[in-house]
Amino acid sequence: MSNPRCQVELHCHTVFSKDGLIDFESLIGTAARIGLNALAITDHDTIEGAMAFRRQAEARGLALKIIVGEEKTLSDGSHLIGLFLEQPIESGELKQAIAEIAGQGGLCLIPHPFRKKDGLFRDGLERVAFFNDLPAGFEIFNAKCSYAENSRARDLLSTTLSPFGGSDAHYESDLGECLNLIGWETDLKTSLRRMFQRKAPFQILGKVQKPADAGRAYAPFYHRYKKLIRLPKLLLPVAKQSYRWYRNARWGVGAKPLVNIYTYE
């Protein structure tokens, strides 16, 4: 790439997501250890945390750029991400949600497109047509998804959609499991828009996956037996923080060994 390369994380959850446990201090500390230049906060159905984190980063004069995003749950349970937002996505219908994102000058991203419970294309590719006139991206590699789900996502390379990768991080140990290396073009928004228009070279790096890999699971033992365990509500915050500590200690926080997932030149 002729232009300077930026390392960008495009799918990350914080404490403002009901299933996220990354706070501001740990986010910026982990991002620094990974070497991130920019990070999109895509909390579930809110931009409150992303706006707050961006304000804090700017107030401190941090080099790390925070992109305000939202992972919107649509009426059928599928997910759509909007980036560079200033207002939350209100509609639960795909066409209207896309229009809201575009109306803010934002970018549409399709996370885990074939995941059974919430993938936008889990029932077929008819919805691809909604994005034909937009620079939009699909998650060719989601570090939380299974090998099979990520492999199937490659079917979308033949569409007008452009690939991107996401760590889908909920804990600090998840950050850096997938990175986008993009060329710098004027500013961050322009750089990403050119990536999604396939007008500039970029590279997607991700963690190693094997065909048998079922994807990332959080506290599988607890979720399997939670009807029997029934922790008192007062203990849930302690349990969550304990699991956060365990997960971060077990898998480590910081840069991970990554392999090439996709290169566009």
C-alpha atoms as a PDB file:
ATOM      1  CA  MET A   1       0.000   0.000   0.000  1.00  0.00           C
ATOM      2  CA  SER A   2       1.365   3.381  -0.959  1.00  0.00           C
ATOM      3  CA  ASN A   3      -0.494   5.294   1.765  1.00  0.00           C
ATOM      4  CA  PRO A   4       0.175   4.877   5.503  1.00  0.00           C
ATOM      5  CA  ARG A   5      -1.727   1.908   6.890  1.00  0.00           C
ATOM      6  CA  CYS A   6      -4.159   2.193   9.784  1.00  0.00           C
ATOM      7  CA  GLN A   7      -5.190  -0.680  12.039  1.00  0.00           C
ATOM      8  CA  VAL A   8      -8.925  -0.498  12.599  1.00  0.00           C
ATOM      9  CA  GLU A   9     -11.315  -2.557  14.738  1.00  0.00           C
ATOM     10  CA  LEU A  10     -14.863  -2.371  13.336  1.00  0.00           C
ATOM     11  CA  HIS A  11     -16.963  -4.460  15.757  1.00  0.00           C
ATOM     12  CA  CYS A  12     -16.647  -3.958  19.513  1.00  0.00           C
ATOM     13  CA  HIS A  13     -18.992  -3.889  22.512  1.00  0.00           C
ATOM     14  CA  THR A  14     -18.569  -2.057  25.806  1.00  0.00           C
ATOM     15  CA  VAL A  15     -20.290  -1.936  29.201  1.00  0.00           C
ATOM     16  CA  PHE A  16     -23.124  -0.109  27.425  1.00  0.00           C
ATOM     17  CA  SER A  17     -24.107  -3.415  25.789  1.00  0.00           C
ATOM     18  CA  LYS A  18     -25.985  -5.764  28.099  1.00  0.00           C
ATOM     19  CA  ASP A  19     -23.451  -8.500  27.293  1.00  0.00           C
ATOM     20  CA  GLY A  20     -20.320  -6.303  27.180  1.00  0.00           C
ATOM     21  CA  LEU A  21     -17.838  -5.724  30.000  1.00  0.00           C
ATOM     22  CA  ILE A  22     -15.201  -3.398  28.501  1.00  0.00           C
ATOM     23  CA  ASP A  23     -14.967  -0.020  30.220  1.00  0.00           C
ATOM     24  CA  PHE A  24     -13.252   3.097  28.890  1.00  0.00           C
ATOM     25  CA  GLU A  25      -9.910   2.733  30.656  1.00  0.00           C
ATOM     26  CA  SER A  26      -9.485  -0.913  29.707  1.00  0.00           C
ATOM     27  CA  LEU A  27     -10.586  -0.193  26.136  1.00  0.00           C
ATOM     28  CA  ILE A  28      -7.986   2.478  25.476  1.00  0.00           C
ATOM     29  CA  GLY A  29      -5.295   0.512  27.297  1.00  0.00           C
ATOM     30  CA  THR A  30      -5.960  -2.641  25.275  1.00  0.00           C
ATOM     31  CA  ALA A  31      -6.203  -0.675  22.033  1.00  0.00           C
ATOM     32  CA  ALA A  32      -2.770   0.807  22.734  1.00  0.00           C
ATOM     33  CA  ARG A  33      -1.256  -2.640  23.356  1.00  0.00           C
ATOM     34  CA  ILE A  34      -2.701  -3.901  20.077  1.00  0.00           C
ATOM     35  CA  GLY A  35      -1.600  -0.823  18.159  1.00  0.00           C
ATOM     36  CA  LEU A  36      -5.055   0.248  17.001  1.00  0.00           C
ATOM     37  CA  ASN A  37      -5.399   3.576  15.248  1.00  0.00           C
ATOM     38  CA  ALA A  38      -9.191   3.536  15.256  1.00  0.00           C
ATOM     39  CA  LEU A  39     -11.956   1.565  16.890  1.00  0.00           C
ATOM     40  CA  ALA A  40     -15.681   1.389  16.155  1.00  0.00           C
ATOM     41  CA  ILE A  41     -17.891   0.973  19.207  1.00  0.00           C
ATOM     42  CA  THR A  42     -20.973  -0.934  18.074  1.00  0.00           C
ATOM     43  CA  ASP A  43     -23.010  -1.519  21.197  1.00  0.00           C
ATOM     44  CA  HIS A  44     -26.358  -3.260  20.929  1.00  0.00           C
ATOM     45  CA  ASP A  45     -29.210  -0.838  20.180  1.00  0.00           C
ATOM     46  CA  THR A  46     -27.535   2.277  21.599  1.00  0.00           C
ATOM     47  CA  ILE A  47     -24.916   4.881  20.725  1.00  0.00           C
ATOM     48  CA  GLU A  48     -24.777   6.264  24.258  1.00  0.00           C
ATOM     49  CA  GLY A  49     -21.523   4.537  25.164  1.00  0.00           C
ATOM     50  CA  ALA A  50     -19.853   5.273  21.850  1.00  0.00           C
ATOM     51  CA  MET A  51     -20.673   8.971  22.190  1.00  0.00           C
ATOM     52  CA  ALA A  52     -19.415   9.047  25.786  1.00  0.00           C
ATOM     53  CA  PHE A  53     -16.196   7.186  24.950  1.00  0.00           C
ATOM     54  CA  ARG A  54     -15.539   9.469  21.969  1.00  0.00           C
ATOM     55  CA  ARG A  55     -15.940  12.551  24.164  1.00  0.00           C
ATOM     56  CA  GLN A  56     -13.532  11.135  26.736  1.00  0.00           C
ATOM     57  CA  ALA A  57     -10.956  10.209  24.093  1.00  0.00           C
ATOM     58  CA  GLU A  58     -11.133  13.657  22.521  1.00  0.00           C
ATOM     59  CA  ALA A  59     -10.958  15.400  25.915  1.00  0.00           C
ATOM     60  CA  ARG A  60      -7.721  13.533  26.669  1.00  0.00           C
ATOM     61  CA  GLY A  61      -6.299  14.270  23.253  1.00  0.00           C
ATOM     62  CA  LEU A  62      -5.817  10.576  22.492  1.00  0.00           C
ATOM     63  CA  ALA A  63      -4.519   9.531  19.093  1.00  0.00           C
ATOM     64  CA  LEU A  64      -7.021   6.641  19.065  1.00  0.00           C
ATOM     65  CA  LYS A  65     -10.056   7.614  17.015  1.00  0.00           C
ATOM     66  CA  ILE A  66     -13.429   6.378  18.251  1.00  0.00           C
ATOM     67  CA  ILE A  67     -16.076   5.703  15.599  1.00  0.00           C
ATOM     68  CA  VAL A  68     -19.640   6.004  16.871  1.00  0.00           C
ATOM     69  CA  GLY A  69     -21.589   2.955  15.765  1.00  0.00           C
ATOM     70  CA  GLU A  70     -24.584   0.849  16.702  1.00  0.00           C
ATOM     71  CA  GLU A  71     -25.467  -2.796  16.189  1.00  0.00           C
ATOM     72  CA  LYS A  72     -29.213  -2.527  15.647  1.00  0.00           C
ATOM     73  CA  THR A  73     -31.521  -5.447  16.328  1.00  0.00           C
ATOM     74  CA  LEU A  74     -34.151  -5.441  13.581  1.00  0.00           C
ATOM     75  CA  SER A  75     -37.743  -6.585  13.996  1.00  0.00           C
ATOM     76  CA  ASP A  76     -36.941 -10.106  12.794  1.00  0.00           C
ATOM     77  CA  GLY A  77     -34.012 -10.450  15.200  1.00  0.00           C
ATOM     78  CA  SER A  78     -31.280  -9.929  12.596  1.00  0.00           C
ATOM     79  CA  HIS A  79     -28.509  -7.368  13.113  1.00  0.00           C
ATOM     80  CA  LEU A  80     -27.296  -4.354  11.143  1.00  0.00           C
ATOM     81  CA  ILE A  81     -24.410  -2.051  12.041  1.00  0.00           C
ATOM     82  CA  GLY A  82     -24.306   1.656  11.307  1.00  0.00           C
ATOM     83  CA  LEU A  83     -21.035   3.613  11.591  1.00  0.00           C
ATOM     84  CA  PHE A  84     -20.332   7.355  11.897  1.00  0.00           C
ATOM     85  CA  LEU A  85     -23.664   8.008  13.582  1.00  0.00           C
ATOM     86  CA  GLU A  86     -24.788  11.056  15.519  1.00  0.00           C
ATOM     87  CA  GLN A  87     -28.294   9.767  16.214  1.00  0.00           C
ATOM     88  CA  PRO A  88     -29.440   6.254  17.202  1.00  0.00           C
ATOM     89  CA  ILE A  89     -31.121   4.049  14.618  1.00  0.00           C
ATOM     90  CA  GLU A  90     -34.854   4.190  15.346  1.00  0.00           C
ATOM     91  CA  SER A  91     -36.472   1.836  12.836  1.00  0.00           C
ATOM     92  CA  GLY A  92     -36.471  -1.925  13.216  1.00  0.00           C
ATOM     93  CA  GLU A  93     -37.150  -2.443   9.507  1.00  0.00           C
ATOM     94  CA  LEU A  94     -34.178  -2.994   7.222  1.00  0.00           C
ATOM     95  CA  LYS A  95     -35.049  -0.527   4.455  1.00  0.00           C
ATOM     96  CA  GLN A  96     -35.798   2.293   6.879  1.00  0.00           C
ATOM     97  CA  ALA A  97     -32.753   1.543   9.043  1.00  0.00           C
ATOM     98  CA  ILE A  98     -30.498   1.693   5.974  1.00  0.00           C
ATOM     99  CA  ALA A  99     -32.081   5.022   5.024  1.00  0.00           C
ATOM    100  CA  GLU A 100     -31.447   6.396   8.531  1.00  0.00           C
ATOM    101  CA  ILE A 101     -27.775   5.416   8.402  1.00  0.00           C
ATOM    102  CA  ALA A 102     -27.328   6.825   4.887  1.00  0.00           C
ATOM    103  CA  GLY A 103     -29.193   9.987   5.890  1.00  0.00           C
ATOM    104  CA  GLN A 104     -26.572  10.622   8.570  1.00  0.00           C
ATOM    105  CA  GLY A 105     -23.788  10.112   6.053  1.00  0.00           C
ATOM    106  CA  GLY A 106     -22.949   6.839   7.754  1.00  0.00           C
ATOM    107  CA  LEU A 107     -21.856   3.427   6.529  1.00  0.00           C
ATOM    108  CA  CYS A 108     -23.853   0.194   6.643  1.00  0.00           C
ATOM    109  CA  LEU A 109     -22.125  -2.978   7.824  1.00  0.00           C
ATOM    110  CA  ILE A 110     -23.619  -6.466   7.966  1.00  0.00           C
ATOM    111  CA  PRO A 111     -22.219  -8.439  10.916  1.00  0.00           C
ATOM    112  CA  HIS A 112     -22.092 -12.271  11.009  1.00  0.00           C
ATOM    113  CA  PRO A 113     -24.296 -12.443   7.890  1.00  0.00           C
ATOM    114  CA  PHE A 114     -25.131 -16.169   8.086  1.00  0.00           C
ATOM    115  CA  ARG A 115     -25.343 -16.726  11.827  1.00  0.00           C
ATOM    116  CA  LYS A 116     -28.540 -18.671  12.494  1.00  0.00           C
ATOM    117  CA  LYS A 117     -29.956 -16.558  15.283  1.00  0.00           C
ATOM    118  CA  ASP A 118     -29.269 -13.049  13.997  1.00  0.00           C
ATOM    119  CA  GLY A 119     -27.592 -13.070  10.573  1.00  0.00           C
ATOM    120  CA  LEU A 120     -29.194 -10.767   8.008  1.00  0.00           C
ATOM    121  CA  PHE A 121     -28.807 -13.376   5.252  1.00  0.00           C
ATOM    122  CA  ARG A 122     -29.561 -16.486   7.300  1.00  0.00           C
ATOM    123  CA  ASP A 123     -32.656 -17.178   5.142  1.00  0.00           C
ATOM    124  CA  GLY A 124     -31.191 -16.227   1.749  1.00  0.00           C
ATOM    125  CA  LEU A 125     -29.569 -13.423  -0.220  1.00  0.00           C
ATOM    126  CA  GLU A 126     -32.667 -11.507  -1.316  1.00  0.00           C
ATOM    127  CA  ARG A 127     -31.805  -8.616   1.008  1.00  0.00           C
ATOM    128  CA  VAL A 128     -28.515  -7.933  -0.780  1.00  0.00           C
ATOM    129  CA  ALA A 129     -30.501  -5.805  -3.230  1.00  0.00           C
ATOM    130  CA  PHE A 130     -31.225  -3.267  -0.469  1.00  0.00           C
ATOM    131  CA  PHE A 131     -27.524  -2.310  -0.502  1.00  0.00           C
ATOM    132  CA  ASN A 132     -26.916  -2.142  -4.266  1.00  0.00           C
ATOM    133  CA  ASP A 133     -26.676   1.662  -4.402  1.00  0.00           C
ATOM    134  CA  LEU A 134     -24.586   2.069  -1.242  1.00  0.00           C
ATOM    135  CA  PRO A 135     -20.994   1.501  -0.178  1.00  0.00           C
ATOM    136  CA  ALA A 136     -21.680  -1.253   2.348  1.00  0.00           C
ATOM    137  CA  GLY A 137     -19.696  -4.030   3.982  1.00  0.00           C
ATOM    138  CA  PHE A 138     -20.256  -7.614   5.091  1.00  0.00           C
ATOM    139  CA  GLU A 139     -18.298  -9.363   7.822  1.00  0.00           C
ATOM    140  CA  ILE A 140     -16.226 -11.941   5.976  1.00  0.00           C
ATOM    141  CA  PHE A 141     -14.593 -12.923   9.263  1.00  0.00           C
ATOM    142  CA  ASN A 142     -16.167 -12.586  12.691  1.00  0.00           C
ATOM    143  CA  ALA A 143     -13.859 -13.803  15.446  1.00  0.00           C
ATOM    144  CA  LYS A 144     -16.848 -14.945  17.497  1.00  0.00           C
ATOM    145  CA  CYS A 145     -18.397 -17.019  14.680  1.00  0.00           C
ATOM    146  CA  SER A 146     -17.729 -20.618  13.758  1.00  0.00           C
ATOM    147  CA  TYR A 147     -15.426 -21.680  10.945  1.00  0.00           C
ATOM    148  CA  ALA A 148     -18.473 -22.786   8.925  1.00  0.00           C
ATOM    149  CA  GLU A 149     -20.249 -19.441   9.325  1.00  0.00           C
ATOM    150  CA  ASN A 150     -17.148 -17.492   8.320  1.00  0.00           C
ATOM    151  CA  SER A 151     -16.527 -19.778   5.347  1.00  0.00           C
ATOM    152  CA  ARG A 152     -20.063 -19.273   4.094  1.00  0.00           C
ATOM    153  CA  ALA A 153     -19.653 -15.499   4.296  1.00  0.00           C
ATOM    154  CA  ARG A 154     -17.206 -15.717   1.403  1.00  0.00           C
ATOM    155  CA  ASP A 155     -20.192 -16.331  -0.883  1.00  0.00           C
ATOM    156  CA  LEU A 156     -20.862 -12.594  -0.610  1.00  0.00           C
ATOM    157  CA  LEU A 157     -17.610 -11.694  -2.370  1.00  0.00           C
ATOM    158  CA  SER A 158     -19.486 -12.013  -5.668  1.00  0.00           C
ATOM    159  CA  THR A 159     -21.983  -9.302  -4.652  1.00  0.00           C
ATOM    160  CA  THR A 160     -21.629  -5.519  -4.571  1.00  0.00           C
ATOM    161  CA  LEU A 161     -20.815  -5.695  -0.849  1.00  0.00           C
ATOM    162  CA  SER A 162     -17.252  -5.240   0.340  1.00  0.00           C
ATOM    163  CA  PRO A 163     -15.692  -7.477   3.020  1.00  0.00           C
ATOM    164  CA  PHE A 164     -14.522  -6.355   6.441  1.00  0.00           C
ATOM    165  CA  GLY A 165     -13.483  -8.176   9.601  1.00  0.00           C
ATOM    166  CA  GLY A 166     -14.572  -7.814  13.202  1.00  0.00           C
ATOM    167  CA  SER A 167     -13.444  -9.108  16.564  1.00  0.00           C
ATOM    168  CA  ASP A 168     -17.006  -8.783  17.919  1.00  0.00           C
ATOM    169  CA  ALA A 169     -15.283  -8.109  21.216  1.00  0.00           C
ATOM    170  CA  HIS A 170     -17.202  -8.236  24.502  1.00  0.00           C
ATOM    171  CA  TYR A 171     -14.162  -8.656  26.761  1.00  0.00           C
ATOM    172  CA  GLU A 172     -10.693  -7.130  26.559  1.00  0.00           C
ATOM    173  CA  SER A 173      -9.250 -10.525  25.595  1.00  0.00           C
ATOM    174  CA  ASP A 174     -11.382 -10.515  22.434  1.00  0.00           C
ATOM    175  CA  LEU A 175      -9.964  -7.267  21.064  1.00  0.00           C
ATOM    176  CA  GLY A 176      -7.420  -7.737  18.308  1.00  0.00           C
ATOM    177  CA  GLU A 177      -8.714 -11.125  17.152  1.00  0.00           C
ATOM    178  CA  CYS A 178      -9.513  -9.500  13.804  1.00  0.00           C
ATOM    179  CA  LEU A 179      -8.099  -6.303  12.298  1.00  0.00           C
ATOM    180  CA  ASN A 180      -8.624  -4.234   9.165  1.00  0.00           C
ATOM    181  CA  LEU A 181      -5.527  -2.648   7.639  1.00  0.00           C
ATOM    182  CA  ILE A 182      -6.569   0.256   5.453  1.00  0.00           C
ATOM    183  CA  GLY A 183      -4.773   2.983   3.551  1.00  0.00           C
ATOM    184  CA  TRP A 184      -5.178   6.542   4.842  1.00  0.00           C
ATOM    185  CA  GLU A 185      -7.184   8.740   2.460  1.00  0.00           C
ATOM    186  CA  THR A 186      -7.763  12.313   3.760  1.00  0.00           C
ATOM    187  CA  ASP A 187      -9.625  11.216   6.927  1.00  0.00           C
ATOM    188  CA  LEU A 188     -10.914   8.067   8.602  1.00  0.00           C
ATOM    189  CA  LYS A 189     -14.436   8.211   7.202  1.00  0.00           C
ATOM    190  CA  THR A 190     -13.169   8.754   3.661  1.00  0.00           C
ATOM    191  CA  SER A 191     -10.654   5.932   4.086  1.00  0.00           C
ATOM    192  CA  LEU A 192     -13.318   3.450   5.183  1.00  0.00           C
ATOM    193  CA  ARG A 193     -15.765   4.606   2.528  1.00  0.00           C
ATOM    194  CA  ARG A 194     -13.158   3.954  -0.164  1.00  0.00           C
ATOM    195  CA  MET A 195     -12.559   0.514   1.365  1.00  0.00           C
ATOM    196  CA  PHE A 196     -16.260  -0.310   1.109  1.00  0.00           C
ATOM    197  CA  GLN A 197     -16.339   1.050  -2.431  1.00  0.00           C
ATOM    198  CA  ARG A 198     -13.347  -1.199  -3.253  1.00  0.00           C
ATOM    199  CA  LYS A 199     -11.480   1.860  -4.488  1.00  0.00           C
ATOM    200  CA  ALA A 200      -8.463   1.415  -2.234  1.00  0.00           C
ATOM    201  CA  PRO A 201      -6.337  -1.548  -1.137  1.00  0.00           C
ATOM    202  CA  PHE A 202      -6.937  -3.119   2.261  1.00  0.00           C
ATOM    203  CA  GLN A 203      -6.175  -6.270   4.202  1.00  0.00           C
ATOM    204  CA  ILE A 204      -8.140  -8.256   6.769  1.00  0.00           C
ATOM    205  CA  LEU A 205      -6.273 -10.231   9.417  1.00  0.00           C
ATOM    206  CA  GLY A 206      -7.887 -12.724  11.794  1.00  0.00           C
ATOM    207  CA  LYS A 207      -7.151 -15.416  14.347  1.00  0.00           C
ATOM    208  CA  VAL A 208      -6.457 -18.945  13.142  1.00  0.00           C
ATOM    209  CA  GLN A 209      -9.564 -21.100  12.809  1.00  0.00           C
ATOM    210  CA  LYS A 210      -9.861 -24.807  12.113  1.00  0.00           C
ATOM    211  CA  PRO A 211     -12.779 -26.524  10.320  1.00  0.00           C
ATOM    212  CA  ALA A 212     -14.038 -28.014  13.589  1.00  0.00           C
ATOM    213  CA  ASP A 213     -14.064 -24.678  15.450  1.00  0.00           C
ATOM    214  CA  ALA A 214     -17.540 -23.889  16.746  1.00  0.00           C
ATOM    215  CA  GLY A 215     -16.888 -20.251  17.576  1.00  0.00           C
ATOM    216  CA  ARG A 216     -16.391 -18.249  20.745  1.00  0.00           C
ATOM    217  CA  ALA A 217     -18.654 -19.145  23.660  1.00  0.00           C
ATOM    218  CA  TYR A 218     -18.973 -17.172  26.883  1.00  0.00           C
ATOM    219  CA  ALA A 219     -19.378 -19.080  30.178  1.00  0.00           C
ATOM    220  CA  PRO A 220     -20.758 -22.176  28.423  1.00  0.00           C
ATOM    221  CA  PHE A 221     -21.039 -24.169  31.654  1.00  0.00           C
ATOM    222  CA  TYR A 222     -23.123 -21.464  33.325  1.00  0.00           C
ATOM    223  CA  HIS A 223     -25.484 -21.048  30.362  1.00  0.00           C
ATOM    224  CA  ARG A 224     -25.937 -24.799  30.109  1.00  0.00           C
ATOM    225  CA  TYR A 225     -26.992 -25.123  33.729  1.00  0.00           C
ATOM    226  CA  LYS A 226     -28.224 -21.629  34.649  1.00  0.00           C
ATOM    227  CA  LYS A 227     -31.796 -22.874  35.175  1.00  0.00           C
ATOM    228  CA  LEU A 228     -30.443 -25.125  37.881  1.00  0.00           C
ATOM    229  CA  ILE A 229     -27.849 -22.751  39.316  1.00  0.00           C
ATOM    230  CA  ARG A 230     -30.089 -19.655  39.668  1.00  0.00           C
ATOM    231  CA  LEU A 231     -27.585 -17.165  41.063  1.00  0.00           C
ATOM    232  CA  PRO A 232     -29.149 -14.426  43.216  1.00  0.00           C
ATOM    233  CA  LYS A 233     -29.336 -11.107  41.351  1.00  0.00           C
ATOM    234  CA  LEU A 234     -27.065  -9.478  43.916  1.00  0.00           C
ATOM    235  CA  LEU A 235     -24.295 -11.925  42.978  1.00  0.00           C
ATOM    236  CA  LEU A 236     -24.572 -11.507  39.200  1.00  0.00           C
ATOM    237  CA  PRO A 237     -22.301  -8.408  38.976  1.00  0.00           C
ATOM    238  CA  VAL A 238     -19.632 -10.209  41.013  1.00  0.00           C
ATOM    239  CA  ALA A 239     -19.980 -13.329  38.863  1.00  0.00           C
ATOM    240  CA  LYS A 240     -19.676 -11.300  35.662  1.00  0.00           C
ATOM    241  CA  GLN A 241     -16.565  -9.497  36.835  1.00  0.00           C
ATOM    242  CA  SER A 242     -15.044 -12.760  38.034  1.00  0.00           C
ATOM    243  CA  TYR A 243     -15.604 -14.312  34.644  1.00  0.00           C
ATOM    244  CA  ARG A 244     -14.142 -11.207  32.992  1.00  0.00           C
ATOM    245  CA  TRP A 245     -11.000 -11.602  35.097  1.00  0.00           C
ATOM    246  CA  TYR A 246     -10.805 -15.325  34.285  1.00  0.00           C
ATOM    247  CA  ARG A 247     -11.299 -14.815  30.563  1.00  0.00           C
ATOM    248  CA  ASN A 248      -8.734 -12.039  30.302  1.00  0.00           C
ATOM    249  CA  ALA A 249      -6.213 -14.069  32.322  1.00  0.00           C
ATOM    250  CA  ARG A 250      -6.887 -17.231  30.328  1.00  0.00           C
ATOM    251  CA  TRP A 251      -6.658 -15.763  26.816  1.00  0.00           C
ATOM    252  CA  GLY A 252      -4.529 -12.691  27.433  1.00  0.00           C
ATOM    253  CA  VAL A 253      -5.053  -9.016  26.669  1.00  0.00           C
ATOM    254  CA  GLY A 254      -3.215  -7.364  23.791  1.00  0.00           C
ATOM    255  CA  ALA A 255      -1.895  -8.250  20.365  1.00  0.00           C
ATOM    256  CA  LYS A 256      -2.729 -11.732  19.044  1.00  0.00           C
ATOM    257  CA  PRO A 257      -1.078 -13.873  16.345  1.00  0.00           C
ATOM    258  CA  LEU A 258      -3.110 -13.283  13.188  1.00  0.00           C
ATOM    259  CA  VAL A 259      -3.163 -14.678   9.655  1.00  0.00           C
ATOM    260  CA  ASN A 260      -4.282 -13.164   6.380  1.00  0.00           C
ATOM    261  CA  ILE A 261      -8.028 -13.575   5.791  1.00  0.00           C
ATOM    262  CA  TYR A 262      -8.460 -11.418   2.702  1.00  0.00           C
ATOM    263  CA  THR A 263      -6.426  -8.920   0.698  1.00  0.00           C
ATOM    264  CA  TYR A 264      -7.744  -6.428  -1.835  1.00  0.00           C
ATOM    265  CA  GLU A 265      -5.204  -4.710  -4.075  1.00  0.00           C
END
